């Protein structure tokens, strides 16, 4: 029996981490990984459990998957062929003010992939040779679905099912990618949309369609929303997400600032500001929840997930 199929205890309890987190009532808000730059690197499959141990990333400067302000993700598409052995590398650079990401794409041969990624990590897109750059297509979007089965069975199973459902179903402007681990596999299937940087949990094909077409309100999608990948910090992501719910899709193109601070007697506050507006919140810490080990249940959990509730304050 494969490890992927081990999903229940002897008494029938579903031991998949995504099922356990749902049953615990864990909120996805504030759980997104944040970074100044994301590199989507088209890497040959299969991927190792940790993407930074892929042979083609061995020469990249820095430490693990997140190298300083850069997060490297392995990607693959449903249509990898037809490019004469060339591989895509997409740089997504955070704009100032959290207003999305700027996209630059390069197309390089396999033997130049490591050097290209190294250049992007150390010098950014400015270091790339013009001959490798792909002419930008206006309105290009990227949607990543985590399918990293060697990292977590829920992503491998549920993420791959979702990816197959979405293949050929999204608008032509949207590049659909399989992605290596993006964090939060207990919220599988998970996804990230660029250039907005919005990060999502418990996805279905219908929810992804609503995200890329902005056909439902952010408020109605709030239980799926993890946070913005351009924002660092759990309380900050939740505050930004509440602004998103209240102000609609235009929020993602609005320059905004985020702040947290400590008050008296250990009280904590957060705010989000934008031209013409400000929201302030009291941050309440609630009982943390165990992070389940997929296939083993909460009794073997070694980590906890903080649970925060933000209560809006009246502006003076």
C-alpha atoms as a PDB file:
ATOM      1  CA  UNK A   1       0.000   0.000   0.000  1.00  0.00           C
ATOM      2  CA  UNK A   2       1.396   3.423  -0.931  1.00  0.00           C
ATOM      3  CA  UNK A   3       1.893   6.068   1.701  1.00  0.00           C
ATOM      4  CA  UNK A   4      -0.554   8.340  -0.138  1.00  0.00           C
ATOM      5  CA  UNK A   5      -3.425   5.917   0.449  1.00  0.00           C
ATOM      6  CA  UNK A   6      -2.948   5.754   4.236  1.00  0.00           C
ATOM      7  CA  UNK A   7      -5.684   8.186   5.206  1.00  0.00           C
ATOM      8  CA  UNK A   8      -7.602   6.665   8.115  1.00  0.00           C
ATOM      9  CA  UNK A   9      -7.003   5.335  11.614  1.00  0.00           C
ATOM     10  CA  UNK A  10      -8.309   1.901  12.694  1.00  0.00           C
ATOM     11  CA  UNK A  11     -11.493   3.586  13.960  1.00  0.00           C
ATOM     12  CA  UNK A  12     -12.071   5.253  10.588  1.00  0.00           C
ATOM     13  CA  UNK A  13     -10.835   8.746  11.475  1.00  0.00           C
ATOM     14  CA  UNK A  14      -9.572  10.670   8.448  1.00  0.00           C
ATOM     15  CA  UNK A  15      -5.890  11.355   9.208  1.00  0.00           C
ATOM     16  CA  UNK A  16      -5.126  13.572   6.251  1.00  0.00           C
ATOM     17  CA  UNK A  17      -3.812  16.885   7.544  1.00  0.00           C
ATOM     18  CA  UNK A  18      -6.293  18.931   5.487  1.00  0.00           C
ATOM     19  CA  UNK A  19      -9.240  17.003   6.950  1.00  0.00           C
ATOM     20  CA  UNK A  20      -7.888  17.361  10.501  1.00  0.00           C
ATOM     21  CA  UNK A  21      -7.383  21.129  10.161  1.00  0.00           C
ATOM     22  CA  UNK A  22     -10.896  21.541   8.796  1.00  0.00           C
ATOM     23  CA  UNK A  23     -12.305  19.543  11.710  1.00  0.00           C
ATOM     24  CA  UNK A  24     -10.307  21.628  14.179  1.00  0.00           C
ATOM     25  CA  UNK A  25     -11.811  24.759  12.682  1.00  0.00           C
ATOM     26  CA  UNK A  26      -8.426  26.292  11.903  1.00  0.00           C
ATOM     27  CA  UNK A  27      -8.716  29.592  10.083  1.00  0.00           C
ATOM     28  CA  UNK A  28      -6.489  29.997   7.050  1.00  0.00           C
ATOM     29  CA  UNK A  29      -6.250  33.785   7.412  1.00  0.00           C
ATOM     30  CA  UNK A  30      -2.713  34.958   8.144  1.00  0.00           C
ATOM     31  CA  UNK A  31      -1.022  31.700   7.121  1.00  0.00           C
ATOM     32  CA  UNK A  32       0.499  32.794   3.799  1.00  0.00           C
ATOM     33  CA  UNK A  33       4.249  32.848   3.281  1.00  0.00           C
ATOM     34  CA  UNK A  34       5.510  36.332   2.428  1.00  0.00           C
ATOM     35  CA  UNK A  35       8.481  37.398   0.315  1.00  0.00           C
ATOM     36  CA  UNK A  36       9.815  40.343  -1.679  1.00  0.00           C
ATOM     37  CA  UNK A  37      10.519  38.206  -4.737  1.00  0.00           C
ATOM     38  CA  UNK A  38       9.287  34.848  -6.000  1.00  0.00           C
ATOM     39  CA  UNK A  39      11.151  32.863  -8.644  1.00  0.00           C
ATOM     40  CA  UNK A  40       9.135  30.276 -10.552  1.00  0.00           C
ATOM     41  CA  UNK A  41      11.662  27.836 -11.987  1.00  0.00           C
ATOM     42  CA  UNK A  42      10.575  25.213 -14.494  1.00  0.00           C
ATOM     43  CA  UNK A  43      12.317  22.171 -13.032  1.00  0.00           C
ATOM     44  CA  UNK A  44      12.237  18.586 -14.321  1.00  0.00           C
ATOM     45  CA  UNK A  45      10.079  16.176 -12.320  1.00  0.00           C
ATOM     46  CA  UNK A  46      10.106  14.326 -10.000  1.00  0.00           C
ATOM     47  CA  UNK A  47      10.890  16.917  -7.357  1.00  0.00           C
ATOM     48  CA  UNK A  48      12.669  15.990  -4.110  1.00  0.00           C
ATOM     49  CA  UNK A  49      10.931  16.552  -0.789  1.00  0.00           C
ATOM     50  CA  UNK A  50      12.812  19.836  -0.382  1.00  0.00           C
ATOM     51  CA  UNK A  51      12.975  21.736  -3.645  1.00  0.00           C
ATOM     52  CA  UNK A  52      16.305  23.375  -2.759  1.00  0.00           C
ATOM     53  CA  UNK A  53      17.914  19.919  -2.911  1.00  0.00           C
ATOM     54  CA  UNK A  54      17.040  19.619  -6.593  1.00  0.00           C
ATOM     55  CA  UNK A  55      20.326  19.080  -8.515  1.00  0.00           C
ATOM     56  CA  UNK A  56      19.684  22.143 -10.676  1.00  0.00           C
ATOM     57  CA  UNK A  57      19.453  24.397  -7.625  1.00  0.00           C
ATOM     58  CA  UNK A  58      22.618  23.124  -5.952  1.00  0.00           C
ATOM     59  CA  UNK A  59      24.744  25.978  -7.255  1.00  0.00           C
ATOM     60  CA  UNK A  60      22.367  28.751  -6.279  1.00  0.00           C
ATOM     61  CA  UNK A  61      23.818  31.046  -3.579  1.00  0.00           C
ATOM     62  CA  UNK A  62      22.212  31.184  -0.171  1.00  0.00           C
ATOM     63  CA  UNK A  63      20.594  28.696   2.123  1.00  0.00           C
ATOM     64  CA  UNK A  64      17.258  26.908   1.903  1.00  0.00           C
ATOM     65  CA  UNK A  65      14.239  27.487  -0.315  1.00  0.00           C
ATOM     66  CA  UNK A  66      13.904  31.079   0.884  1.00  0.00           C
ATOM     67  CA  UNK A  67      17.150  32.911   0.153  1.00  0.00           C
ATOM     68  CA  UNK A  68      17.009  36.264   1.861  1.00  0.00           C
ATOM     69  CA  UNK A  69      14.132  38.125   0.266  1.00  0.00           C
ATOM     70  CA  UNK A  70      13.698  35.576  -2.552  1.00  0.00           C
ATOM     71  CA  UNK A  71      11.499  32.478  -2.471  1.00  0.00           C
ATOM     72  CA  UNK A  72      12.232  29.828  -5.104  1.00  0.00           C
ATOM     73  CA  UNK A  73       9.427  27.554  -6.268  1.00  0.00           C
ATOM     74  CA  UNK A  74       9.711  24.683  -8.704  1.00  0.00           C
ATOM     75  CA  UNK A  75       6.964  24.729 -11.332  1.00  0.00           C
ATOM     76  CA  UNK A  76       5.697  22.632 -14.219  1.00  0.00           C
ATOM     77  CA  UNK A  77       2.872  23.257 -16.675  1.00  0.00           C
ATOM     78  CA  UNK A  78       0.484  20.972 -18.511  1.00  0.00           C
ATOM     79  CA  UNK A  79       2.225  21.848 -21.787  1.00  0.00           C
ATOM     80  CA  UNK A  80       5.973  21.566 -21.186  1.00  0.00           C
ATOM     81  CA  UNK A  81       6.907  20.516 -24.709  1.00  0.00           C
ATOM     82  CA  UNK A  82       7.397  22.485 -27.892  1.00  0.00           C
ATOM     83  CA  UNK A  83      10.109  24.883 -26.732  1.00  0.00           C
ATOM     84  CA  UNK A  84      13.158  23.064 -28.003  1.00  0.00           C
ATOM     85  CA  UNK A  85      14.426  22.084 -24.556  1.00  0.00           C
ATOM     86  CA  UNK A  86      14.155  25.610 -23.155  1.00  0.00           C
ATOM     87  CA  UNK A  87      12.893  26.187 -19.624  1.00  0.00           C
ATOM     88  CA  UNK A  88      10.988  29.132 -18.237  1.00  0.00           C
ATOM     89  CA  UNK A  89      12.058  31.164 -15.227  1.00  0.00           C
ATOM     90  CA  UNK A  90       9.606  33.805 -14.002  1.00  0.00           C
ATOM     91  CA  UNK A  91      10.652  36.567 -11.610  1.00  0.00           C
ATOM     92  CA  UNK A  92       7.862  38.197  -9.619  1.00  0.00           C
ATOM     93  CA  UNK A  93       9.113  41.277  -7.781  1.00  0.00           C
ATOM     94  CA  UNK A  94       7.046  42.902  -5.051  1.00  0.00           C
ATOM     95  CA  UNK A  95       6.004  46.459  -5.860  1.00  0.00           C
ATOM     96  CA  UNK A  96       6.321  49.132  -3.234  1.00  0.00           C
ATOM     97  CA  UNK A  97       3.151  49.652  -1.224  1.00  0.00           C
ATOM     98  CA  UNK A  98       2.001  46.017  -1.520  1.00  0.00           C
ATOM     99  CA  UNK A  99       0.245  46.752  -4.821  1.00  0.00           C
ATOM    100  CA  UNK A 100       1.061  43.441  -6.510  1.00  0.00           C
ATOM    101  CA  UNK A 101       4.128  42.025  -8.260  1.00  0.00           C
ATOM    102  CA  UNK A 102       6.030  42.927 -11.428  1.00  0.00           C
ATOM    103  CA  UNK A 103       6.634  39.997 -13.798  1.00  0.00           C
ATOM    104  CA  UNK A 104       9.722  39.240 -15.903  1.00  0.00           C
ATOM    105  CA  UNK A 105      10.080  35.949 -17.782  1.00  0.00           C
ATOM    106  CA  UNK A 106      13.222  34.348 -19.216  1.00  0.00           C
ATOM    107  CA  UNK A 107      13.601  31.310 -21.440  1.00  0.00           C
ATOM    108  CA  UNK A 108      16.897  29.436 -21.049  1.00  0.00           C
ATOM    109  CA  UNK A 109      18.416  26.042 -21.908  1.00  0.00           C
ATOM    110  CA  UNK A 110      18.670  23.455 -19.149  1.00  0.00           C
ATOM    111  CA  UNK A 111      22.442  23.892 -18.806  1.00  0.00           C
ATOM    112  CA  UNK A 112      21.953  27.613 -18.069  1.00  0.00           C
ATOM    113  CA  UNK A 113      19.127  27.196 -15.568  1.00  0.00           C
ATOM    114  CA  UNK A 114      21.262  27.225 -12.407  1.00  0.00           C
ATOM    115  CA  UNK A 115      23.220  30.287 -13.519  1.00  0.00           C
ATOM    116  CA  UNK A 116      20.019  32.140 -14.426  1.00  0.00           C
ATOM    117  CA  UNK A 117      18.458  31.456 -11.028  1.00  0.00           C
ATOM    118  CA  UNK A 118      21.694  32.511  -9.299  1.00  0.00           C
ATOM    119  CA  UNK A 119      21.680  35.798 -11.217  1.00  0.00           C
ATOM    120  CA  UNK A 120      18.084  36.484 -10.259  1.00  0.00           C
ATOM    121  CA  UNK A 121      18.790  35.769  -6.576  1.00  0.00           C
ATOM    122  CA  UNK A 122      21.845  38.040  -6.424  1.00  0.00           C
ATOM    123  CA  UNK A 123      21.108  40.760  -8.990  1.00  0.00           C
ATOM    124  CA  UNK A 124      17.391  40.588  -9.752  1.00  0.00           C
ATOM    125  CA  UNK A 125      15.911  40.748 -13.266  1.00  0.00           C
ATOM    126  CA  UNK A 126      18.301  43.548 -14.205  1.00  0.00           C
ATOM    127  CA  UNK A 127      21.117  40.995 -14.390  1.00  0.00           C
ATOM    128  CA  UNK A 128      19.499  38.870 -17.084  1.00  0.00           C
ATOM    129  CA  UNK A 129      20.734  38.925 -20.663  1.00  0.00           C
ATOM    130  CA  UNK A 130      18.264  40.618 -22.978  1.00  0.00           C
ATOM    131  CA  UNK A 131      18.468  37.657 -25.355  1.00  0.00           C
ATOM    132  CA  UNK A 132      16.894  35.396 -22.729  1.00  0.00           C
ATOM    133  CA  UNK A 133      13.935  37.647 -21.935  1.00  0.00           C
ATOM    134  CA  UNK A 134      10.482  36.843 -23.224  1.00  0.00           C
ATOM    135  CA  UNK A 135       8.488  39.776 -24.550  1.00  0.00           C
ATOM    136  CA  UNK A 136       5.872  40.522 -21.914  1.00  0.00           C
ATOM    137  CA  UNK A 137       2.271  39.758 -22.738  1.00  0.00           C
ATOM    138  CA  UNK A 138      -0.095  42.392 -21.422  1.00  0.00           C
ATOM    139  CA  UNK A 139      -2.239  41.086 -18.611  1.00  0.00           C
ATOM    140  CA  UNK A 140      -0.326  37.831 -18.094  1.00  0.00           C
ATOM    141  CA  UNK A 141      -1.311  36.135 -14.835  1.00  0.00           C
ATOM    142  CA  UNK A 142       0.086  33.066 -13.071  1.00  0.00           C
ATOM    143  CA  UNK A 143      -1.900  30.647 -10.940  1.00  0.00           C
ATOM    144  CA  UNK A 144       0.078  28.113  -8.905  1.00  0.00           C
ATOM    145  CA  UNK A 145      -1.433  24.946  -7.443  1.00  0.00           C
ATOM    146  CA  UNK A 146       0.756  23.067  -4.971  1.00  0.00           C
ATOM    147  CA  UNK A 147       1.036  19.418  -6.116  1.00  0.00           C
ATOM    148  CA  UNK A 148       4.199  18.542  -4.180  1.00  0.00           C
ATOM    149  CA  UNK A 149       3.319  14.962  -3.244  1.00  0.00           C
ATOM    150  CA  UNK A 150       6.800  14.033  -2.007  1.00  0.00           C
ATOM    151  CA  UNK A 151       6.393  16.821   0.583  1.00  0.00           C
ATOM    152  CA  UNK A 152       2.793  16.144   1.607  1.00  0.00           C
ATOM    153  CA  UNK A 153       0.202  13.611   0.496  1.00  0.00           C
ATOM    154  CA  UNK A 154      -2.691  16.097   0.637  1.00  0.00           C
ATOM    155  CA  UNK A 155      -0.995  18.395  -1.856  1.00  0.00           C
ATOM    156  CA  UNK A 156      -0.066  15.410  -3.997  1.00  0.00           C
ATOM    157  CA  UNK A 157      -3.614  14.068  -4.030  1.00  0.00           C
ATOM    158  CA  UNK A 158      -5.949  17.044  -3.763  1.00  0.00           C
ATOM    159  CA  UNK A 159      -3.622  19.502  -5.489  1.00  0.00           C
ATOM    160  CA  UNK A 160      -3.098  17.218  -8.464  1.00  0.00           C
ATOM    161  CA  UNK A 161      -6.827  16.569  -8.771  1.00  0.00           C
ATOM    162  CA  UNK A 162      -7.471  20.305  -8.835  1.00  0.00           C
ATOM    163  CA  UNK A 163      -4.669  20.936 -11.345  1.00  0.00           C
ATOM    164  CA  UNK A 164      -6.162  18.348 -13.704  1.00  0.00           C
ATOM    165  CA  UNK A 165      -9.604  19.953 -13.377  1.00  0.00           C
ATOM    166  CA  UNK A 166      -8.211  23.407 -14.138  1.00  0.00           C
ATOM    167  CA  UNK A 167      -6.071  22.396 -17.138  1.00  0.00           C
ATOM    168  CA  UNK A 168      -7.619  24.075 -20.179  1.00  0.00           C
ATOM    169  CA  UNK A 169     -10.413  25.622 -18.103  1.00  0.00           C
ATOM    170  CA  UNK A 170      -8.868  28.997 -17.216  1.00  0.00           C
ATOM    171  CA  UNK A 171      -8.789  32.119 -19.418  1.00  0.00           C
ATOM    172  CA  UNK A 172      -5.915  32.260 -21.919  1.00  0.00           C
ATOM    173  CA  UNK A 173      -4.306  35.125 -19.998  1.00  0.00           C
ATOM    174  CA  UNK A 174      -3.714  32.811 -17.000  1.00  0.00           C
ATOM    175  CA  UNK A 175      -0.684  30.501 -16.948  1.00  0.00           C
ATOM    176  CA  UNK A 176      -1.531  27.475 -14.796  1.00  0.00           C
ATOM    177  CA  UNK A 177       1.381  25.870 -12.962  1.00  0.00           C
ATOM    178  CA  UNK A 178       1.979  22.851 -10.788  1.00  0.00           C
ATOM    179  CA  UNK A 179       4.073  24.142  -7.920  1.00  0.00           C
ATOM    180  CA  UNK A 180       6.413  22.829  -5.264  1.00  0.00           C
ATOM    181  CA  UNK A 181       5.597  23.359  -1.590  1.00  0.00           C
ATOM    182  CA  UNK A 182       4.199  26.832  -0.857  1.00  0.00           C
ATOM    183  CA  UNK A 183       3.563  26.220   2.853  1.00  0.00           C
ATOM    184  CA  UNK A 184       0.372  25.327   4.678  1.00  0.00           C
ATOM    185  CA  UNK A 185      -0.239  21.912   3.140  1.00  0.00           C
ATOM    186  CA  UNK A 186      -2.901  21.317   5.797  1.00  0.00           C
ATOM    187  CA  UNK A 187      -5.031  23.777   3.797  1.00  0.00           C
ATOM    188  CA  UNK A 188      -4.764  21.707   0.590  1.00  0.00           C
ATOM    189  CA  UNK A 189      -5.513  22.256  -2.154  1.00  0.00           C
ATOM    190  CA  UNK A 190      -3.641  25.555  -1.934  1.00  0.00           C
ATOM    191  CA  UNK A 191      -2.802  28.122  -4.593  1.00  0.00           C
ATOM    192  CA  UNK A 192      -1.218  31.502  -5.277  1.00  0.00           C
ATOM    193  CA  UNK A 193      -2.343  34.031  -7.856  1.00  0.00           C
ATOM    194  CA  UNK A 194       0.085  36.505  -9.398  1.00  0.00           C
ATOM    195  CA  UNK A 195       0.469  39.426  -9.983  1.00  0.00           C
ATOM    196  CA  UNK A 196      -1.927  40.078  -7.085  1.00  0.00           C
ATOM    197  CA  UNK A 197       0.002  37.846  -4.648  1.00  0.00           C
ATOM    198  CA  UNK A 198      -3.222  36.493  -3.178  1.00  0.00           C
ATOM    199  CA  UNK A 199      -2.792  33.108  -1.486  1.00  0.00           C
ATOM    200  CA  UNK A 200      -5.649  30.633  -1.107  1.00  0.00           C
ATOM    201  CA  UNK A 201      -6.809  27.568   0.860  1.00  0.00           C
ATOM    202  CA  UNK A 202      -9.257  24.675   0.380  1.00  0.00           C
ATOM    203  CA  UNK A 203      -9.586  25.429  -3.322  1.00  0.00           C
ATOM    204  CA  UNK A 204     -12.076  24.050  -5.813  1.00  0.00           C
ATOM    205  CA  UNK A 205     -12.225  24.698  -9.547  1.00  0.00           C
ATOM    206  CA  UNK A 206     -15.232  26.946  -8.937  1.00  0.00           C
ATOM    207  CA  UNK A 207     -13.369  29.016  -6.347  1.00  0.00           C
ATOM    208  CA  UNK A 208     -10.318  29.377  -8.632  1.00  0.00           C
ATOM    209  CA  UNK A 209     -12.610  30.585 -11.414  1.00  0.00           C
ATOM    210  CA  UNK A 210     -14.107  33.177  -9.072  1.00  0.00           C
ATOM    211  CA  UNK A 211     -10.599  34.350  -8.107  1.00  0.00           C
ATOM    212  CA  UNK A 212      -9.186  34.783 -11.617  1.00  0.00           C
ATOM    213  CA  UNK A 213     -12.414  36.319 -12.954  1.00  0.00           C
ATOM    214  CA  UNK A 214     -13.135  38.332  -9.788  1.00  0.00           C
ATOM    215  CA  UNK A 215     -16.715  37.157 -10.179  1.00  0.00           C
ATOM    216  CA  UNK A 216     -17.478  36.836  -6.462  1.00  0.00           C
ATOM    217  CA  UNK A 217     -16.821  39.302  -3.676  1.00  0.00           C
ATOM    218  CA  UNK A 218     -13.671  38.924  -1.559  1.00  0.00           C
ATOM    219  CA  UNK A 219     -15.954  38.763   1.479  1.00  0.00           C
ATOM    220  CA  UNK A 220     -17.683  35.656   0.099  1.00  0.00           C
ATOM    221  CA  UNK A 221     -14.264  34.031  -0.457  1.00  0.00           C
ATOM    222  CA  UNK A 222     -12.887  34.994   2.956  1.00  0.00           C
ATOM    223  CA  UNK A 223     -12.772  31.434   4.358  1.00  0.00           C
ATOM    224  CA  UNK A 224     -10.436  30.494   1.487  1.00  0.00           C
ATOM    225  CA  UNK A 225      -8.155  33.532   1.804  1.00  0.00           C
ATOM    226  CA  UNK A 226      -4.786  32.976   3.503  1.00  0.00           C
ATOM    227  CA  UNK A 227      -3.245  36.394   2.926  1.00  0.00           C
ATOM    228  CA  UNK A 228      -1.126  38.345   0.496  1.00  0.00           C
ATOM    229  CA  UNK A 229       2.316  36.983  -0.388  1.00  0.00           C
ATOM    230  CA  UNK A 230       3.688  40.543  -0.402  1.00  0.00           C
ATOM    231  CA  UNK A 231       2.858  40.968   3.290  1.00  0.00           C
ATOM    232  CA  UNK A 232       5.046  39.608   6.104  1.00  0.00           C
ATOM    233  CA  UNK A 233       3.431  38.734   9.442  1.00  0.00           C
ATOM    234  CA  UNK A 234       0.258  36.945  10.548  1.00  0.00           C
ATOM    235  CA  UNK A 235      -1.524  39.945  12.103  1.00  0.00           C
ATOM    236  CA  UNK A 236      -0.513  42.132   9.155  1.00  0.00           C
ATOM    237  CA  UNK A 237      -1.895  39.613   6.658  1.00  0.00           C
ATOM    238  CA  UNK A 238      -5.177  39.350   8.542  1.00  0.00           C
ATOM    239  CA  UNK A 239      -5.503  43.154   8.723  1.00  0.00           C
ATOM    240  CA  UNK A 240      -4.801  43.431   5.007  1.00  0.00           C
ATOM    241  CA  UNK A 241      -7.332  40.666   4.327  1.00  0.00           C
ATOM    242  CA  UNK A 242     -10.035  42.498   6.284  1.00  0.00           C
ATOM    243  CA  UNK A 243      -9.331  45.576   4.198  1.00  0.00           C
ATOM    244  CA  UNK A 244      -9.651  43.396   1.097  1.00  0.00           C
ATOM    245  CA  UNK A 245     -13.037  42.045   2.265  1.00  0.00           C
ATOM    246  CA  UNK A 246     -14.370  45.522   3.002  1.00  0.00           C
ATOM    247  CA  UNK A 247     -13.079  47.310  -0.099  1.00  0.00           C
ATOM    248  CA  UNK A 248     -13.360  44.722  -2.888  1.00  0.00           C
ATOM    249  CA  UNK A 249     -11.033  43.649  -5.683  1.00  0.00           C
ATOM    250  CA  UNK A 250      -9.684  47.164  -6.315  1.00  0.00           C
ATOM    251  CA  UNK A 251      -7.900  46.747  -2.974  1.00  0.00           C
ATOM    252  CA  UNK A 252      -5.254  44.586  -4.664  1.00  0.00           C
ATOM    253  CA  UNK A 253      -4.125  47.528  -6.813  1.00  0.00           C
ATOM    254  CA  UNK A 254      -4.197  50.011  -3.942  1.00  0.00           C
ATOM    255  CA  UNK A 255      -0.940  51.098  -2.313  1.00  0.00           C
ATOM    256  CA  UNK A 256      -1.277  50.502   1.385  1.00  0.00           C
ATOM    257  CA  UNK A 257       0.764  50.425   4.551  1.00  0.00           C
ATOM    258  CA  UNK A 258       0.616  47.975   7.453  1.00  0.00           C
ATOM    259  CA  UNK A 259       1.733  48.359  11.042  1.00  0.00           C
ATOM    260  CA  UNK A 260       1.545  46.463  14.332  1.00  0.00           C
ATOM    261  CA  UNK A 261       2.439  47.793  17.771  1.00  0.00           C
ATOM    262  CA  UNK A 262       2.291  46.928  21.455  1.00  0.00           C
ATOM    263  CA  UNK A 263       0.109  48.810  23.935  1.00  0.00           C
ATOM    264  CA  UNK A 264      -0.171  48.752  27.705  1.00  0.00           C
ATOM    265  CA  UNK A 265      -0.464  45.496  29.682  1.00  0.00           C
ATOM    266  CA  UNK A 266       0.570  43.401  26.712  1.00  0.00           C
ATOM    267  CA  UNK A 267      -2.185  44.642  24.415  1.00  0.00           C
ATOM    268  CA  UNK A 268      -1.457  44.508  20.702  1.00  0.00           C
ATOM    269  CA  UNK A 269      -2.807  46.466  17.766  1.00  0.00           C
ATOM    270  CA  UNK A 270      -2.636  46.467  13.973  1.00  0.00           C
ATOM    271  CA  UNK A 271      -3.540  48.965  11.286  1.00  0.00           C
ATOM    272  CA  UNK A 272      -3.770  49.208   7.535  1.00  0.00           C
ATOM    273  CA  UNK A 273      -3.708  52.577   5.793  1.00  0.00           C
ATOM    274  CA  UNK A 274      -4.287  53.642   2.196  1.00  0.00           C
ATOM    275  CA  UNK A 275      -4.949  56.955   0.430  1.00  0.00           C
ATOM    276  CA  UNK A 276      -8.112  58.256   2.039  1.00  0.00           C
ATOM    277  CA  UNK A 277      -8.591  55.519   4.606  1.00  0.00           C
ATOM    278  CA  UNK A 278      -7.370  53.746   7.716  1.00  0.00           C
ATOM    279  CA  UNK A 279      -8.497  50.688   9.668  1.00  0.00           C
ATOM    280  CA  UNK A 280      -7.291  49.887  13.191  1.00  0.00           C
ATOM    281  CA  UNK A 281      -7.685  46.573  14.980  1.00  0.00           C
ATOM    282  CA  UNK A 282      -7.177  45.089  18.403  1.00  0.00           C
ATOM    283  CA  UNK A 283      -5.288  41.808  18.071  1.00  0.00           C
ATOM    284  CA  UNK A 284      -6.556  39.000  20.281  1.00  0.00           C
ATOM    285  CA  UNK A 285      -4.525  35.823  20.723  1.00  0.00           C
ATOM    286  CA  UNK A 286      -6.660  32.717  20.959  1.00  0.00           C
ATOM    287  CA  UNK A 287      -5.818  29.129  21.816  1.00  0.00           C
ATOM    288  CA  UNK A 288      -3.237  27.848  19.308  1.00  0.00           C
ATOM    289  CA  UNK A 289      -4.069  24.724  17.350  1.00  0.00           C
ATOM    290  CA  UNK A 290      -1.785  21.742  16.713  1.00  0.00           C
ATOM    291  CA  UNK A 291      -0.304  21.456  13.227  1.00  0.00           C
ATOM    292  CA  UNK A 292      -1.184  17.880  12.217  1.00  0.00           C
ATOM    293  CA  UNK A 293       1.337  15.446  10.796  1.00  0.00           C
ATOM    294  CA  UNK A 294      -0.332  14.038   7.705  1.00  0.00           C
ATOM    295  CA  UNK A 295      -1.376  10.440   8.320  1.00  0.00           C
ATOM    296  CA  UNK A 296      -0.629  10.515  12.052  1.00  0.00           C
ATOM    297  CA  UNK A 297      -3.170  12.814  13.658  1.00  0.00           C
ATOM    298  CA  UNK A 298      -2.659  15.539  16.238  1.00  0.00           C
ATOM    299  CA  UNK A 299      -1.131  13.307  18.922  1.00  0.00           C
ATOM    300  CA  UNK A 300       2.177  13.442  17.053  1.00  0.00           C
ATOM    301  CA  UNK A 301       2.102  17.183  16.334  1.00  0.00           C
ATOM    302  CA  UNK A 302       5.301  19.022  17.188  1.00  0.00           C
ATOM    303  CA  UNK A 303       4.174  22.488  16.044  1.00  0.00           C
ATOM    304  CA  UNK A 304       1.345  24.838  16.899  1.00  0.00           C
ATOM    305  CA  UNK A 305      -0.467  27.316  14.692  1.00  0.00           C
ATOM    306  CA  UNK A 306      -1.183  30.688  16.382  1.00  0.00           C
ATOM    307  CA  UNK A 307      -4.811  31.745  16.142  1.00  0.00           C
ATOM    308  CA  UNK A 308      -5.453  35.479  16.030  1.00  0.00           C
ATOM    309  CA  UNK A 309      -8.689  37.418  15.980  1.00  0.00           C
ATOM    310  CA  UNK A 310      -8.669  41.057  14.882  1.00  0.00           C
ATOM    311  CA  UNK A 311     -11.430  43.328  16.173  1.00  0.00           C
ATOM    312  CA  UNK A 312     -11.933  46.599  14.358  1.00  0.00           C
ATOM    313  CA  UNK A 313     -11.522  49.733  16.457  1.00  0.00           C
ATOM    314  CA  UNK A 314     -13.410  52.959  15.973  1.00  0.00           C
ATOM    315  CA  UNK A 315     -11.162  55.685  14.571  1.00  0.00           C
ATOM    316  CA  UNK A 316     -10.979  58.805  16.705  1.00  0.00           C
END
